[in-house]
């Protein structure tokens, strides 16, 4: 005899499939979290919860239910925050904003964040004397990397923010798809990386993955992280939108690993070290990697 609970679960699955345009419902997908659909039209199965605090991070809304994502997203945030704390001991923790609801779906504050692959990370900041300070609100940073809060001038902590970016970019388990931020923030980070970063691979990837969306918010007050689908999630209905970064596929990743010090990377570094990029602050990657490096169709909120 079929229980009422089973009927309700089946009806819920059919409704989610209809809403997301997906025909696969991973009701028997095991205990792992599964992202189904796209970031703006999807849901989350058995979401993994990000704790309210951990090594190097604290959640902005500790009692809010939007703390769920795939294991890929949650563990990437945890590893990156812990690595920044290790590299810069004594600083204030990373503030993590919204992820997704336990089952994903519509989010009151976002058009995306629906399938467990999106998270907001507030920028690391410094106070008026250059010391790390807490960032528990949405501080917009302009061209000079400054913001004002309650009469205090705060500055964008470029060193720690870049370390967060490069850690996420080089974390092969993170499957980082996008790091949305404003063009001026991207320019600031790449100028810093050109002077201090030892990995040409990190800089090359950053020119692609750091991006100001073509519509919606500028993201001058936080990073919007989006990760890709695992192979098993793709089989269960997880859908990624273009572009598809070559280093996220296993065959291409081998090429990327082998060509980390390629001529293309050397040319990119020379360009970043010149003054040319100062006159093209909209999309830094266009002049060195071609217009396809920063597609205009990407939108988010």
Protein backbone atom coordinates (compact mmCIF):
# COMPACT_ATOMS: atom_id res chain seq x y z
CA UNK A 1 0.00 0.00 0.00
CA UNK A 2 1.37 3.37 -1.02
CA UNK A 3 1.72 5.79 1.87
CA UNK A 4 0.53 9.40 1.71
CA UNK A 5 4.11 10.50 2.35
CA UNK A 6 5.32 8.67 -0.76
CA UNK A 7 2.59 10.25 -2.82
CA UNK A 8 3.54 13.71 -1.58
CA UNK A 9 7.22 13.08 -2.35
CA UNK A 10 6.40 11.94 -5.87
CA UNK A 11 4.14 14.95 -6.42
CA UNK A 12 6.86 17.28 -5.12
CA UNK A 13 9.40 15.67 -7.47
CA UNK A 14 7.11 16.10 -10.47
CA UNK A 15 6.45 19.73 -9.55
CA UNK A 16 10.17 20.48 -9.23
CA UNK A 17 10.85 18.77 -12.54
CA UNK A 18 8.16 20.86 -14.21
CA UNK A 19 9.46 24.10 -12.68
CA UNK A 20 13.08 23.47 -13.57
CA UNK A 21 12.60 21.83 -16.92
CA UNK A 22 14.47 18.74 -15.69
CA UNK A 23 13.19 15.22 -16.04
CA UNK A 24 15.65 13.67 -13.62
CA UNK A 25 14.79 13.57 -9.93
CA UNK A 26 17.61 12.05 -7.87
CA UNK A 27 15.32 10.55 -5.20
CA UNK A 28 17.66 7.57 -5.13
CA UNK A 29 20.84 9.55 -5.62
CA UNK A 30 22.35 8.47 -2.31
CA UNK A 31 23.33 10.70 0.58
CA UNK A 32 25.35 13.29 -1.35
CA UNK A 33 23.92 16.69 -2.14
CA UNK A 34 22.93 17.03 -5.79
CA UNK A 35 22.41 20.26 -7.71
CA UNK A 36 19.64 19.93 -10.30
CA UNK A 37 18.96 22.40 -13.10
CA UNK A 38 20.76 25.73 -13.51
CA UNK A 39 21.70 28.44 -11.02
CA UNK A 40 18.56 30.43 -11.87
CA UNK A 41 16.17 27.58 -12.60
CA UNK A 42 16.85 24.61 -10.37
CA UNK A 43 16.73 23.03 -6.96
CA UNK A 44 18.93 21.20 -4.47
CA UNK A 45 18.62 17.60 -3.30
CA UNK A 46 19.91 16.83 0.21
CA UNK A 47 21.85 20.07 0.51
CA UNK A 48 25.04 20.19 2.59
CA UNK A 49 24.91 22.87 5.30
CA UNK A 50 27.72 25.36 5.86
CA UNK A 51 28.23 25.73 9.61
CA UNK A 52 27.64 29.16 11.13
CA UNK A 53 31.37 29.51 11.73
CA UNK A 54 34.55 27.58 11.09
CA UNK A 55 38.29 28.09 10.63
CA UNK A 56 38.69 31.45 8.93
CA UNK A 57 35.03 32.26 8.28
CA UNK A 58 31.73 33.30 9.89
CA UNK A 59 28.27 33.45 8.36
CA UNK A 60 26.62 36.86 8.01
CA UNK A 61 23.14 35.50 8.78
CA UNK A 62 23.73 32.64 11.23
CA UNK A 63 20.04 31.87 11.80
CA UNK A 64 18.98 32.25 8.17
CA UNK A 65 18.11 29.00 6.33
CA UNK A 66 20.07 29.95 3.20
CA UNK A 67 23.20 28.07 4.26
CA UNK A 68 23.00 25.05 1.96
CA UNK A 69 24.87 23.97 -1.14
CA UNK A 70 26.60 21.07 -2.79
CA UNK A 71 29.59 19.50 -1.08
CA UNK A 72 31.70 21.04 -3.85
CA UNK A 73 30.66 24.57 -2.89
CA UNK A 74 30.61 24.15 0.90
CA UNK A 75 33.98 22.43 1.12
CA UNK A 76 35.58 24.92 -1.30
CA UNK A 77 34.54 27.83 0.93
CA UNK A 78 35.83 26.03 4.01
CA UNK A 79 39.21 25.21 2.45
CA UNK A 80 39.71 28.69 1.01
CA UNK A 81 38.81 30.50 4.24
CA UNK A 82 41.10 28.25 6.28
CA UNK A 83 43.95 28.83 3.82
CA UNK A 84 43.61 32.62 4.03
CA UNK A 85 43.64 32.39 7.81
CA UNK A 86 46.78 30.24 7.63
CA UNK A 87 48.54 32.66 5.28
CA UNK A 88 47.42 35.80 7.16
CA UNK A 89 47.11 34.82 10.84
CA UNK A 90 45.38 37.16 13.22
CA UNK A 91 43.08 38.77 10.66
CA UNK A 92 39.31 38.95 10.84
CA UNK A 93 37.47 35.99 9.32
CA UNK A 94 35.83 35.84 5.92
CA UNK A 95 32.15 36.79 6.09
CA UNK A 96 29.95 34.39 4.12
CA UNK A 97 26.56 35.62 2.93
CA UNK A 98 23.81 33.64 1.23
CA UNK A 99 24.10 30.16 -0.22
CA UNK A 100 20.82 28.35 -1.06
CA UNK A 101 17.83 27.12 0.90
CA UNK A 102 17.88 23.48 2.10
CA UNK A 103 16.06 22.35 -1.06
CA UNK A 104 17.13 25.24 -3.24
CA UNK A 105 14.47 26.88 -5.36
CA UNK A 106 13.34 30.48 -5.23
CA UNK A 107 15.47 32.81 -3.10
CA UNK A 108 13.95 35.99 -1.66
CA UNK A 109 17.14 38.02 -2.16
CA UNK A 110 18.48 36.60 -5.43
CA UNK A 111 17.51 35.55 -8.92
CA UNK A 112 20.15 32.83 -8.74
CA UNK A 113 21.25 30.81 -5.67
CA UNK A 114 18.58 28.25 -6.55
CA UNK A 115 20.51 25.02 -6.99
CA UNK A 116 23.23 25.01 -4.34
CA UNK A 117 26.12 26.21 -6.52
CA UNK A 118 26.18 29.93 -5.57
CA UNK A 119 27.50 31.79 -2.52
CA UNK A 120 28.25 35.39 -1.56
CA UNK A 121 31.58 36.20 0.09
CA UNK A 122 32.03 39.69 1.51
CA UNK A 123 35.38 41.31 0.78
CA UNK A 124 38.18 41.35 3.32
CA UNK A 125 38.78 44.94 4.47
CA UNK A 126 41.35 47.01 6.39
CA UNK A 127 40.88 49.97 8.69
CA UNK A 128 42.38 53.46 8.48
CA UNK A 129 45.79 52.35 9.77
CA UNK A 130 45.94 49.29 7.49
CA UNK A 131 44.93 46.61 9.99
CA UNK A 132 42.44 43.85 9.25
CA UNK A 133 38.97 44.72 10.46
CA UNK A 134 35.55 43.08 10.50
CA UNK A 135 33.25 43.35 7.50
CA UNK A 136 29.69 42.50 8.52
CA UNK A 137 27.84 44.63 6.00
CA UNK A 138 27.75 45.27 2.26
CA UNK A 139 30.52 47.82 1.66
CA UNK A 140 30.83 49.09 -1.93
CA UNK A 141 34.39 49.76 -3.10
CA UNK A 142 35.10 52.19 -5.93
CA UNK A 143 38.03 52.80 -8.24
CA UNK A 144 40.40 53.69 -5.39
CA UNK A 145 39.52 50.65 -3.29
CA UNK A 146 37.96 52.74 -0.51
CA UNK A 147 34.62 52.65 1.28
CA UNK A 148 33.07 54.63 4.14
CA UNK A 149 31.22 53.09 7.10
CA UNK A 150 29.93 55.17 10.02
CA UNK A 151 32.38 57.95 9.19
CA UNK A 152 35.37 55.58 8.97
CA UNK A 153 37.31 55.14 5.74
CA UNK A 154 37.97 51.46 5.06
CA UNK A 155 40.13 49.97 2.33
CA UNK A 156 39.88 46.87 0.21
CA UNK A 157 42.34 44.27 1.56
CA UNK A 158 43.89 43.37 -1.78
CA UNK A 159 46.41 40.88 -0.45
CA UNK A 160 43.93 38.73 1.42
CA UNK A 161 41.24 39.01 -1.25
CA UNK A 162 43.72 37.89 -3.91
CA UNK A 163 44.81 34.97 -1.74
CA UNK A 164 41.17 33.91 -1.47
CA UNK A 165 40.78 34.16 -5.25
CA UNK A 166 43.95 32.26 -6.12
CA UNK A 167 43.13 29.53 -3.58
CA UNK A 168 39.71 28.95 -5.13
CA UNK A 169 41.16 29.07 -8.66
CA UNK A 170 43.88 26.51 -7.96
CA UNK A 171 41.64 24.19 -5.94
CA UNK A 172 40.88 21.47 -8.48
CA UNK A 173 38.10 20.06 -6.30
CA UNK A 174 36.27 23.39 -6.22
CA UNK A 175 35.40 23.35 -9.95
CA UNK A 176 35.17 27.16 -9.82
CA UNK A 177 32.96 28.50 -12.59
CA UNK A 178 32.72 32.22 -11.84
CA UNK A 179 33.89 34.79 -9.32
CA UNK A 180 31.65 37.76 -10.04
CA UNK A 181 33.02 41.13 -8.94
CA UNK A 182 33.13 44.67 -10.31
CA UNK A 183 35.56 45.55 -13.07
CA UNK A 184 37.49 47.92 -10.79
CA UNK A 185 37.91 45.15 -8.21
CA UNK A 186 39.08 42.78 -10.94
CA UNK A 187 41.58 45.36 -12.19
CA UNK A 188 42.92 45.91 -8.66
CA UNK A 189 43.32 42.16 -8.04
CA UNK A 190 45.09 41.51 -11.34
CA UNK A 191 47.50 44.40 -10.84
CA UNK A 192 48.37 42.98 -7.43
CA UNK A 193 48.74 39.49 -8.86
CA UNK A 194 51.05 40.71 -11.63
CA UNK A 195 53.40 42.07 -8.97
CA UNK A 196 53.16 39.31 -6.35
CA UNK A 197 51.73 36.07 -7.76
CA UNK A 198 54.16 33.23 -8.56
CA UNK A 199 51.64 31.08 -10.44
CA UNK A 200 51.04 32.12 -14.03
CA UNK A 201 48.21 29.59 -14.07
CA UNK A 202 46.38 31.44 -11.28
CA UNK A 203 46.66 34.76 -13.13
CA UNK A 204 45.57 33.28 -16.46
CA UNK A 205 42.52 31.66 -14.89
CA UNK A 206 41.66 34.82 -12.96
CA UNK A 207 41.42 36.86 -16.18
CA UNK A 208 38.64 34.53 -17.29
CA UNK A 209 36.80 33.70 -14.06
CA UNK A 210 36.74 37.16 -12.43
CA UNK A 211 33.93 38.99 -14.18
CA UNK A 212 31.46 41.83 -13.76
CA UNK A 213 28.05 40.60 -14.96
CA UNK A 214 26.68 42.31 -18.03
CA UNK A 215 23.43 43.06 -16.18
CA UNK A 216 22.30 43.11 -12.58
CA UNK A 217 24.43 44.21 -9.65
CA UNK A 218 28.01 45.40 -10.16
CA UNK A 219 29.26 43.23 -7.27
CA UNK A 220 31.43 46.02 -5.89
CA UNK A 221 30.65 44.86 -2.33
CA UNK A 222 31.17 41.08 -2.50
CA UNK A 223 32.35 38.13 -4.55
CA UNK A 224 29.63 35.93 -5.98
CA UNK A 225 31.06 32.41 -6.20
CA UNK A 226 29.58 29.86 -8.58
CA UNK A 227 30.88 26.32 -8.91
CA UNK A 228 30.26 23.79 -11.66
CA UNK A 229 28.58 20.40 -11.72
CA UNK A 230 30.29 17.18 -10.71
CA UNK A 231 30.17 14.39 -13.28
CA UNK A 232 27.62 12.43 -11.23
CA UNK A 233 25.47 15.55 -10.80
CA UNK A 234 25.43 16.12 -14.56
CA UNK A 235 23.97 12.63 -14.99
CA UNK A 236 21.24 13.51 -12.48
CA UNK A 237 20.14 16.77 -14.09
CA UNK A 238 22.74 19.38 -13.11
CA UNK A 239 23.04 21.87 -15.96
CA UNK A 240 25.90 24.29 -16.59
CA UNK A 241 25.68 27.24 -18.91
CA UNK A 242 28.44 28.39 -21.21
CA UNK A 243 31.35 28.97 -21.20
CA UNK A 244 33.04 25.73 -20.23
CA UNK A 245 36.54 26.41 -18.93
CA UNK A 246 39.08 23.97 -20.42
CA UNK A 247 40.79 23.19 -17.11
CA UNK A 248 37.54 21.77 -15.68
CA UNK A 249 37.57 18.80 -18.03
CA UNK A 250 40.05 16.03 -17.30
CA UNK A 251 41.68 15.81 -20.78
CA UNK A 252 42.04 19.60 -21.04
CA UNK A 253 43.27 19.85 -17.47
CA UNK A 254 46.31 17.78 -18.41
CA UNK A 255 47.06 20.24 -21.19
CA UNK A 256 46.60 23.15 -18.78
CA UNK A 257 48.94 21.58 -16.24
CA UNK A 258 51.57 20.98 -18.91
CA UNK A 259 51.34 24.50 -20.28
CA UNK A 260 51.37 26.50 -17.07
CA UNK A 261 54.50 28.37 -18.17
CA UNK A 262 53.54 28.61 -21.85
CA UNK A 263 54.27 31.50 -24.15
CA UNK A 264 50.64 32.63 -23.83
CA UNK A 265 51.02 32.92 -20.07
CA UNK A 266 54.26 34.83 -20.48
CA UNK A 267 52.59 37.26 -22.89
CA UNK A 268 49.74 37.74 -20.46
CA UNK A 269 52.12 38.54 -17.61
CA UNK A 270 54.04 41.04 -19.75
CA UNK A 271 50.77 42.76 -20.66
CA UNK A 272 49.66 42.95 -17.03
CA UNK A 273 53.00 44.45 -16.01
CA UNK A 274 52.67 47.16 -18.65
CA UNK A 275 50.44 50.23 -18.41
CA UNK A 276 48.09 49.05 -21.18
CA UNK A 277 45.58 47.42 -18.82
CA UNK A 278 45.04 50.72 -17.00
CA UNK A 279 43.18 52.01 -20.07
CA UNK A 280 40.87 49.03 -20.44
CA UNK A 281 39.23 48.53 -17.07
CA UNK A 282 35.96 47.05 -18.35
CA UNK A 283 37.16 43.55 -19.25
CA UNK A 284 40.87 43.02 -18.64
CA UNK A 285 41.03 39.66 -20.37
CA UNK A 286 39.70 40.86 -23.73
CA UNK A 287 42.93 42.34 -25.11
CA UNK A 288 45.15 39.45 -24.10
CA UNK A 289 42.85 36.44 -24.51
CA UNK A 290 40.21 37.60 -26.96
CA UNK A 291 36.61 38.72 -26.54
CA UNK A 292 35.46 35.15 -25.89
CA UNK A 293 37.30 35.23 -22.56
CA UNK A 294 34.57 37.37 -21.01
CA UNK A 295 31.17 36.57 -22.56
CA UNK A 296 28.73 39.45 -22.48
CA UNK A 297 25.72 37.22 -21.89
CA UNK A 298 26.54 36.35 -18.28
CA UNK A 299 24.06 37.77 -15.78
CA UNK A 300 23.55 37.20 -12.10
CA UNK A 301 22.14 38.60 -8.91
